[in-house]
Amino acid sequence: MSITEASRFQLRTAMGLILSEEAADTLMELLPPVGWADVATKTDLQHLRDELKGDMHALQLRFEATLEKRMHEQTKWLITTMIAMNTVMLAASVALSKLI
């Protein structure tokens, strides 16, 4: 049997007749708004935590691999550019020394 708002209201009304209105309100606030099967347990939360940690670890590994790849590409580009600039500077120095 699924719990509906109508059945919750009937329960609240019946409790209001037995208990005080304030006690009935307090008791209704302690009940979940859905069935107990829909309430998460500590075990459910632990499974979710473990799954989330696994996902975060996989994301971290992917990030580190991507970062390493990009750093490698940038280093190759920087070294190539520096070698080319040094070659140009050497050629310019040789050309200027022949002019002098």
N, C-alpha and C. Protein backbone atom coordinates (compact mmCIF):
# COMPACT_ATOMS: atom_id res chain seq x y z
N MET A 1 0.84 -1.17 0.00
CA MET A 1 0.00 0.00 0.00
C MET A 1 0.89 1.24 0.00
N SER A 2 0.62 2.12 -0.93
CA SER A 2 1.41 3.35 -0.97
C SER A 2 0.73 4.42 -0.11
N ILE A 3 1.55 5.23 0.49
CA ILE A 3 1.04 6.28 1.36
C ILE A 3 0.77 7.51 0.52
N THR A 4 -0.44 8.03 0.64
CA THR A 4 -0.82 9.24 -0.09
C THR A 4 -0.98 10.38 0.91
N GLU A 5 -1.10 11.57 0.38
CA GLU A 5 -1.32 12.73 1.25
C GLU A 5 -2.66 12.61 1.97
N ALA A 6 -3.63 12.00 1.31
CA ALA A 6 -4.95 11.84 1.94
C ALA A 6 -4.85 10.90 3.15
N SER A 7 -4.10 9.80 3.00
CA SER A 7 -3.95 8.88 4.13
C SER A 7 -3.12 9.51 5.25
N ARG A 8 -2.14 10.34 4.91
CA ARG A 8 -1.38 11.05 5.93
C ARG A 8 -2.28 12.04 6.68
N PHE A 9 -3.16 12.69 5.95
CA PHE A 9 -4.08 13.64 6.58
C PHE A 9 -5.04 12.92 7.51
N GLN A 10 -5.55 11.77 7.09
CA GLN A 10 -6.44 10.99 7.95
C GLN A 10 -5.73 10.56 9.23
N LEU A 11 -4.48 10.13 9.10
CA LEU A 11 -3.69 9.74 10.27
C LEU A 11 -3.47 10.93 11.20
N ARG A 12 -3.19 12.09 10.64
CA ARG A 12 -2.98 13.29 11.46
C ARG A 12 -4.26 13.67 12.19
N THR A 13 -5.37 13.57 11.50
CA THR A 13 -6.65 13.90 12.13
C THR A 13 -6.96 12.93 13.27
N ALA A 14 -6.74 11.63 13.05
CA ALA A 14 -7.00 10.64 14.10
C ALA A 14 -6.07 10.84 15.29
N MET A 15 -4.81 11.16 15.04
CA MET A 15 -3.89 11.41 16.14
C MET A 15 -4.25 12.68 16.90
N GLY A 16 -4.79 13.66 16.18
CA GLY A 16 -5.23 14.90 16.83
C GLY A 16 -6.36 14.66 17.82
N LEU A 17 -7.18 13.63 17.56
CA LEU A 17 -8.27 13.29 18.48
C LEU A 17 -7.74 12.56 19.71
N ILE A 18 -6.69 11.77 19.54
CA ILE A 18 -6.14 10.98 20.65
C ILE A 18 -5.14 11.82 21.45
N LEU A 19 -4.24 12.46 20.76
CA LEU A 19 -3.19 13.27 21.39
C LEU A 19 -3.57 14.74 21.31
N SER A 20 -2.74 15.58 21.84
CA SER A 20 -2.97 17.02 21.66
C SER A 20 -2.58 17.39 20.22
N GLU A 21 -3.07 18.54 19.78
CA GLU A 21 -2.76 18.99 18.42
C GLU A 21 -1.25 19.17 18.24
N GLU A 22 -0.60 19.72 19.24
CA GLU A 22 0.84 19.94 19.17
C GLU A 22 1.60 18.62 19.10
N ALA A 23 1.19 17.63 19.89
CA ALA A 23 1.85 16.32 19.88
C ALA A 23 1.63 15.63 18.53
N ALA A 24 0.44 15.76 17.97
CA ALA A 24 0.14 15.15 16.67
C ALA A 24 1.00 15.79 15.58
N ASP A 25 1.16 17.12 15.64
CA ASP A 25 2.01 17.81 14.65
C ASP A 25 3.46 17.35 14.77
N THR A 26 3.93 17.24 16.01
CA THR A 26 5.31 16.79 16.23
C THR A 26 5.52 15.38 15.69
N LEU A 27 4.59 14.50 15.97
CA LEU A 27 4.69 13.12 15.49
C LEU A 27 4.68 13.05 13.97
N MET A 28 3.85 13.84 13.32
CA MET A 28 3.79 13.84 11.86
C MET A 28 5.08 14.39 11.25
N GLU A 29 5.72 15.35 11.92
CA GLU A 29 6.98 15.89 11.42
C GLU A 29 8.10 14.86 11.50
N LEU A 30 7.98 13.90 12.43
CA LEU A 30 9.00 12.87 12.57
C LEU A 30 8.86 11.77 11.52
N LEU A 31 7.69 11.63 10.94
CA LEU A 31 7.47 10.61 9.91
C LEU A 31 8.01 11.09 8.57
N PRO A 32 8.55 10.18 7.79
CA PRO A 32 9.03 10.59 6.46
C PRO A 32 7.85 10.93 5.56
N PRO A 33 8.04 11.83 4.60
CA PRO A 33 6.93 12.20 3.72
C PRO A 33 6.57 11.10 2.72
N VAL A 34 7.38 10.04 2.66
CA VAL A 34 7.13 8.93 1.75
C VAL A 34 7.20 7.64 2.55
N GLY A 35 7.11 6.51 1.87
CA GLY A 35 7.20 5.23 2.56
C GLY A 35 8.60 4.96 3.07
N TRP A 36 8.70 4.09 4.06
CA TRP A 36 10.01 3.79 4.66
C TRP A 36 10.95 3.14 3.66
N ALA A 37 10.41 2.52 2.62
CA ALA A 37 11.27 1.89 1.61
C ALA A 37 12.04 2.95 0.81
N ASP A 38 11.54 4.18 0.80
CA ASP A 38 12.18 5.25 0.04
C ASP A 38 13.23 6.02 0.85
N VAL A 39 13.37 5.70 2.13
CA VAL A 39 14.32 6.40 2.99
C VAL A 39 15.69 5.74 2.84
N ALA A 40 16.72 6.57 2.67
CA ALA A 40 18.08 6.05 2.51
C ALA A 40 18.62 5.56 3.86
N THR A 41 19.31 4.42 3.82
CA THR A 41 19.90 3.87 5.03
C THR A 41 21.39 4.20 5.05
N LYS A 42 22.05 3.92 6.15
CA LYS A 42 23.48 4.15 6.25
C LYS A 42 24.23 3.31 5.22
N THR A 43 23.74 2.11 4.99
CA THR A 43 24.37 1.24 3.98
C THR A 43 24.24 1.85 2.59
N ASP A 44 23.06 2.41 2.28
CA ASP A 44 22.87 3.08 0.99
C ASP A 44 23.85 4.23 0.83
N LEU A 45 24.00 5.00 1.89
CA LEU A 45 24.92 6.14 1.84
C LEU A 45 26.37 5.68 1.71
N GLN A 46 26.72 4.58 2.36
CA GLN A 46 28.09 4.05 2.26
C GLN A 46 28.38 3.59 0.83
N HIS A 47 27.41 2.90 0.21
CA HIS A 47 27.58 2.47 -1.19
C HIS A 47 27.73 3.69 -2.11
N LEU A 48 26.91 4.70 -1.87
CA LEU A 48 27.00 5.91 -2.67
C LEU A 48 28.35 6.60 -2.48
N ARG A 49 28.84 6.62 -1.24
CA ARG A 49 30.14 7.22 -0.94
C ARG A 49 31.25 6.47 -1.66
N ASP A 50 31.21 5.14 -1.60
CA ASP A 50 32.24 4.34 -2.27
C ASP A 50 32.23 4.56 -3.78
N GLU A 51 31.03 4.61 -4.34
CA GLU A 51 30.89 4.82 -5.78
C GLU A 51 31.42 6.21 -6.17
N LEU A 52 31.08 7.21 -5.36
CA LEU A 52 31.54 8.56 -5.64
C LEU A 52 33.05 8.67 -5.52
N LYS A 53 33.64 8.00 -4.52
CA LYS A 53 35.09 8.02 -4.39
C LYS A 53 35.75 7.37 -5.60
N GLY A 54 35.18 6.28 -6.10
CA GLY A 54 35.71 5.63 -7.29
C GLY A 54 35.64 6.53 -8.51
N ASP A 55 34.51 7.21 -8.66
CA ASP A 55 34.36 8.14 -9.79
C ASP A 55 35.35 9.29 -9.69
N MET A 56 35.54 9.81 -8.48
CA MET A 56 36.47 10.91 -8.29
C MET A 56 37.91 10.47 -8.56
N HIS A 57 38.24 9.25 -8.17
CA HIS A 57 39.59 8.73 -8.43
C HIS A 57 39.82 8.58 -9.93
N ALA A 58 38.83 8.05 -10.64
CA ALA A 58 38.95 7.91 -12.10
C ALA A 58 39.09 9.28 -12.76
N LEU A 59 38.34 10.25 -12.28
CA LEU A 59 38.43 11.61 -12.83
C LEU A 59 39.81 12.20 -12.56
N GLN A 60 40.34 11.96 -11.37
CA GLN A 60 41.68 12.45 -11.04
C GLN A 60 42.73 11.84 -11.94
N LEU A 61 42.63 10.53 -12.21
CA LEU A 61 43.60 9.87 -13.09
C LEU A 61 43.53 10.43 -14.51
N ARG A 62 42.30 10.66 -15.00
CA ARG A 62 42.14 11.23 -16.34
C ARG A 62 42.73 12.64 -16.40
N PHE A 63 42.48 13.43 -15.35
CA PHE A 63 43.01 14.79 -15.31
C PHE A 63 44.53 14.79 -15.30
N GLU A 64 45.11 13.93 -14.48
CA GLU A 64 46.57 13.86 -14.40
C GLU A 64 47.17 13.42 -15.73
N ALA A 65 46.54 12.46 -16.41
CA ALA A 65 47.05 12.00 -17.70
C ALA A 65 46.97 13.11 -18.74
N THR A 66 45.86 13.85 -18.74
CA THR A 66 45.71 14.95 -19.68
C THR A 66 46.72 16.05 -19.39
N LEU A 67 46.89 16.36 -18.12
CA LEU A 67 47.86 17.39 -17.73
C LEU A 67 49.27 17.00 -18.14
N GLU A 68 49.63 15.75 -17.91
CA GLU A 68 50.97 15.28 -18.29
C GLU A 68 51.17 15.37 -19.79
N LYS A 69 50.15 14.99 -20.56
CA LYS A 69 50.25 15.04 -22.03
C LYS A 69 50.42 16.48 -22.49
N ARG A 70 49.62 17.39 -21.95
CA ARG A 70 49.71 18.80 -22.36
C ARG A 70 51.05 19.42 -21.96
N MET A 71 51.53 19.08 -20.78
CA MET A 71 52.83 19.61 -20.33
C MET A 71 53.95 19.11 -21.25
N HIS A 72 53.85 17.85 -21.65
CA HIS A 72 54.85 17.28 -22.55
C HIS A 72 54.82 18.02 -23.89
N GLU A 73 53.62 18.25 -24.42
CA GLU A 73 53.49 18.97 -25.70
C GLU A 73 54.04 20.38 -25.58
N GLN A 74 53.73 21.05 -24.49
CA GLN A 74 54.21 22.42 -24.29
C GLN A 74 55.73 22.48 -24.17
N THR A 75 56.29 21.51 -23.46
CA THR A 75 57.75 21.47 -23.30
C THR A 75 58.43 21.25 -24.64
N LYS A 76 57.90 20.34 -25.45
CA LYS A 76 58.47 20.11 -26.79
C LYS A 76 58.40 21.38 -27.63
N TRP A 77 57.26 22.07 -27.58
CA TRP A 77 57.09 23.30 -28.35
C TRP A 77 58.08 24.36 -27.87
N LEU A 78 58.25 24.50 -26.56
CA LEU A 78 59.14 25.51 -25.99
C LEU A 78 60.59 25.24 -26.38
N ILE A 79 61.02 23.99 -26.26
CA ILE A 79 62.41 23.64 -26.60
C ILE A 79 62.66 23.86 -28.08
N THR A 80 61.73 23.46 -28.93
CA THR A 80 61.87 23.67 -30.38
C THR A 80 61.97 25.15 -30.70
N THR A 81 61.13 25.96 -30.08
CA THR A 81 61.17 27.40 -30.31
C THR A 81 62.48 28.00 -29.84
N MET A 82 62.97 27.57 -28.69
CA MET A 82 64.23 28.10 -28.18
C MET A 82 65.41 27.73 -29.09
N ILE A 83 65.41 26.49 -29.60
CA ILE A 83 66.48 26.07 -30.52
C ILE A 83 66.42 26.90 -31.79
N ALA A 84 65.21 27.12 -32.31
CA ALA A 84 65.07 27.93 -33.53
C ALA A 84 65.53 29.36 -33.29
N MET A 85 65.17 29.95 -32.15
CA MET A 85 65.59 31.32 -31.85
C MET A 85 67.11 31.41 -31.69
N ASN A 86 67.71 30.42 -31.04
CA ASN A 86 69.17 30.41 -30.89
C ASN A 86 69.86 30.28 -32.25
N THR A 87 69.29 29.47 -33.12
CA THR A 87 69.85 29.31 -34.47
C THR A 87 69.78 30.62 -35.22
N VAL A 88 68.65 31.30 -35.13
CA VAL A 88 68.50 32.60 -35.82
C VAL A 88 69.48 33.61 -35.25
N MET A 89 69.61 33.64 -33.91
CA MET A 89 70.55 34.58 -33.28
C MET A 89 71.99 34.28 -33.70
N LEU A 90 72.35 33.00 -33.79
CA LEU A 90 73.70 32.61 -34.21
C LEU A 90 73.95 33.03 -35.64
N ALA A 91 72.94 32.78 -36.50
CA ALA A 91 73.09 33.17 -37.91
C ALA A 91 73.22 34.68 -38.03
N ALA A 92 72.44 35.42 -37.26
CA ALA A 92 72.52 36.89 -37.30
C ALA A 92 73.87 37.36 -36.80
N SER A 93 74.39 36.72 -35.76
CA SER A 93 75.71 37.09 -35.22
C SER A 93 76.80 36.83 -36.24
N VAL A 94 76.74 35.69 -36.92
CA VAL A 94 77.73 35.35 -37.95
C VAL A 94 77.63 36.37 -39.08
N ALA A 95 76.45 36.71 -39.51
CA ALA A 95 76.27 37.67 -40.61
C ALA A 95 76.79 39.04 -40.22
N LEU A 96 76.51 39.46 -38.99
CA LEU A 96 77.00 40.77 -38.55
C LEU A 96 78.52 40.78 -38.41
N SER A 97 79.10 39.66 -37.97
CA SER A 97 80.56 39.62 -37.81
C SER A 97 81.26 39.67 -39.17
N LYS A 98 80.65 39.16 -40.21
CA LYS A 98 81.25 39.23 -41.55
C LYS A 98 81.13 40.62 -42.13
N LEU A 99 80.12 41.36 -41.67
CA LEU A 99 79.97 42.74 -42.17
C LEU A 99 80.98 43.68 -41.52
N ILE A 100 81.39 43.35 -40.34
CA ILE A 100 82.29 44.24 -39.60
C ILE A 100 83.71 44.01 -39.96
